[in-house]
Amino acid sequence: MNFIFHPDAVIELDDAVAYYEEIETGLGIDLAAEVYSAVQRACTMPGGWTTMTGDVRRSLVKRFPYGVLYSHEDGFIFIIAVMHLHRDPEYWKDRV
């Protein structure tokens, strides 16, 4: 199944990767790989992850405190947010 990122989700991912790269070279790349693994899990089993609200679900990112928020649209997964789990849990709701 294909996926599409909301433009703000792309910015969130880019910012997080840059932050972790500043901490340690290669750590940002590790985060990006884990985020894409979470996206692939969502694509494989779109209905298999925790429901946040309505039809928005969350696939957790391994090793990092992030979740991929998405909705299952006609034939694709729409990535709404790459959310840090220790920040405001509802900031993304205006994207739906």
Protein backbone atom coordinates (compact mmCIF):
# COMPACT_ATOMS: atom_id res chain seq x y z
CA MET A 1 0.00 0.00 0.00
CA ASN A 2 1.19 3.52 -0.76
CA PHE A 3 1.47 6.36 1.72
CA ILE A 4 1.46 10.14 1.61
CA PHE A 5 2.82 12.53 4.25
CA HIS A 6 0.99 15.69 5.30
CA PRO A 7 3.44 18.58 4.64
CA ASP A 8 3.65 19.35 8.37
CA ALA A 9 4.48 15.70 9.11
CA VAL A 10 7.41 15.97 6.70
CA ILE A 11 8.66 19.02 8.59
CA GLU A 12 8.28 17.20 11.92
CA LEU A 13 10.28 14.26 10.65
CA ASP A 14 12.99 16.47 9.15
CA ASP A 15 13.28 18.49 12.37
CA ALA A 16 13.49 15.35 14.51
CA VAL A 17 16.13 13.81 12.25
CA ALA A 18 18.20 17.00 12.40
CA TYR A 19 17.87 17.14 16.20
CA TYR A 20 19.06 13.55 16.66
CA GLU A 21 21.89 14.04 14.15
CA GLU A 22 23.15 16.91 16.32
CA ILE A 23 23.18 14.60 19.33
CA GLU A 24 25.07 11.83 17.55
CA THR A 25 25.99 11.27 13.92
CA GLY A 26 23.80 8.55 12.47
CA LEU A 27 21.14 8.74 15.19
CA GLY A 28 18.87 10.88 13.02
CA ILE A 29 19.15 8.32 10.22
CA ASP A 30 18.22 5.62 12.74
CA LEU A 31 15.12 7.64 13.69
CA ALA A 32 14.12 8.04 10.05
CA ALA A 33 14.49 4.29 9.49
CA GLU A 34 12.33 3.53 12.55
CA VAL A 35 9.68 6.02 11.42
CA TYR A 36 9.53 4.41 7.99
CA SER A 37 9.28 0.98 9.66
CA ALA A 38 6.28 2.27 11.62
CA VAL A 39 4.78 3.58 8.37
CA GLN A 40 5.31 0.18 6.72
CA ARG A 41 3.61 -1.55 9.66
CA ALA A 42 0.66 0.82 9.22
CA CYS A 43 0.56 0.04 5.50
CA THR A 44 0.66 -3.71 6.13
CA MET A 45 -2.07 -3.67 8.80
CA PRO A 46 -3.92 -0.34 8.58
CA GLY A 47 -6.55 -1.31 11.14
CA GLY A 48 -4.15 -2.99 13.52
CA TRP A 49 -2.96 -0.03 15.57
CA THR A 50 -4.31 2.08 18.42
CA THR A 51 -7.19 4.41 17.53
CA MET A 52 -6.53 7.98 18.64
CA THR A 53 -9.78 9.62 17.56
CA GLY A 54 -12.23 8.94 14.74
CA ASP A 55 -10.35 7.09 12.02
CA VAL A 56 -6.89 8.32 13.11
CA ARG A 57 -4.57 5.60 14.38
CA ARG A 58 -1.08 5.57 15.84
CA SER A 59 1.79 3.24 15.00
CA LEU A 60 4.55 3.56 17.60
CA VAL A 61 8.15 4.13 16.56
CA LYS A 62 10.64 1.73 18.12
CA ARG A 63 13.63 3.09 20.11
CA PHE A 64 12.38 6.70 20.00
CA PRO A 65 9.50 8.52 21.76
CA TYR A 66 7.50 9.07 18.57
CA GLY A 67 4.31 7.82 17.01
CA VAL A 68 3.15 7.94 13.42
CA LEU A 69 -0.44 9.19 13.26
CA TYR A 70 -2.29 8.17 10.13
CA SER A 71 -5.64 7.52 8.53
CA HIS A 72 -6.48 4.80 6.04
CA GLU A 73 -7.84 6.44 2.90
CA ASP A 74 -8.97 4.80 -0.34
CA GLY A 75 -5.95 2.71 -1.29
CA PHE A 76 -3.32 4.61 0.70
CA ILE A 77 -2.20 5.64 4.17
CA PHE A 78 -2.22 9.37 4.94
CA ILE A 79 0.48 10.27 7.49
CA ILE A 80 -0.99 13.09 9.56
CA ALA A 81 1.85 13.59 12.04
CA VAL A 82 5.17 12.27 13.28
CA MET A 83 4.34 13.04 16.89
CA HIS A 84 6.72 13.28 19.83
CA LEU A 85 4.93 11.34 22.56
CA HIS A 86 5.90 13.71 25.38
CA ARG A 87 4.43 16.86 23.83
CA ASP A 88 0.90 18.20 23.39
CA PRO A 89 -1.07 15.11 22.32
CA GLU A 90 -3.72 17.02 20.36
CA TYR A 91 -1.73 19.58 18.34
CA TRP A 92 -2.26 17.67 15.07
CA LYS A 93 -6.09 17.63 15.13
CA ASP A 94 -6.47 20.61 12.80
CA ARG A 95 -4.76 18.54 10.05
CA VAL A 96 -7.61 16.04 9.80
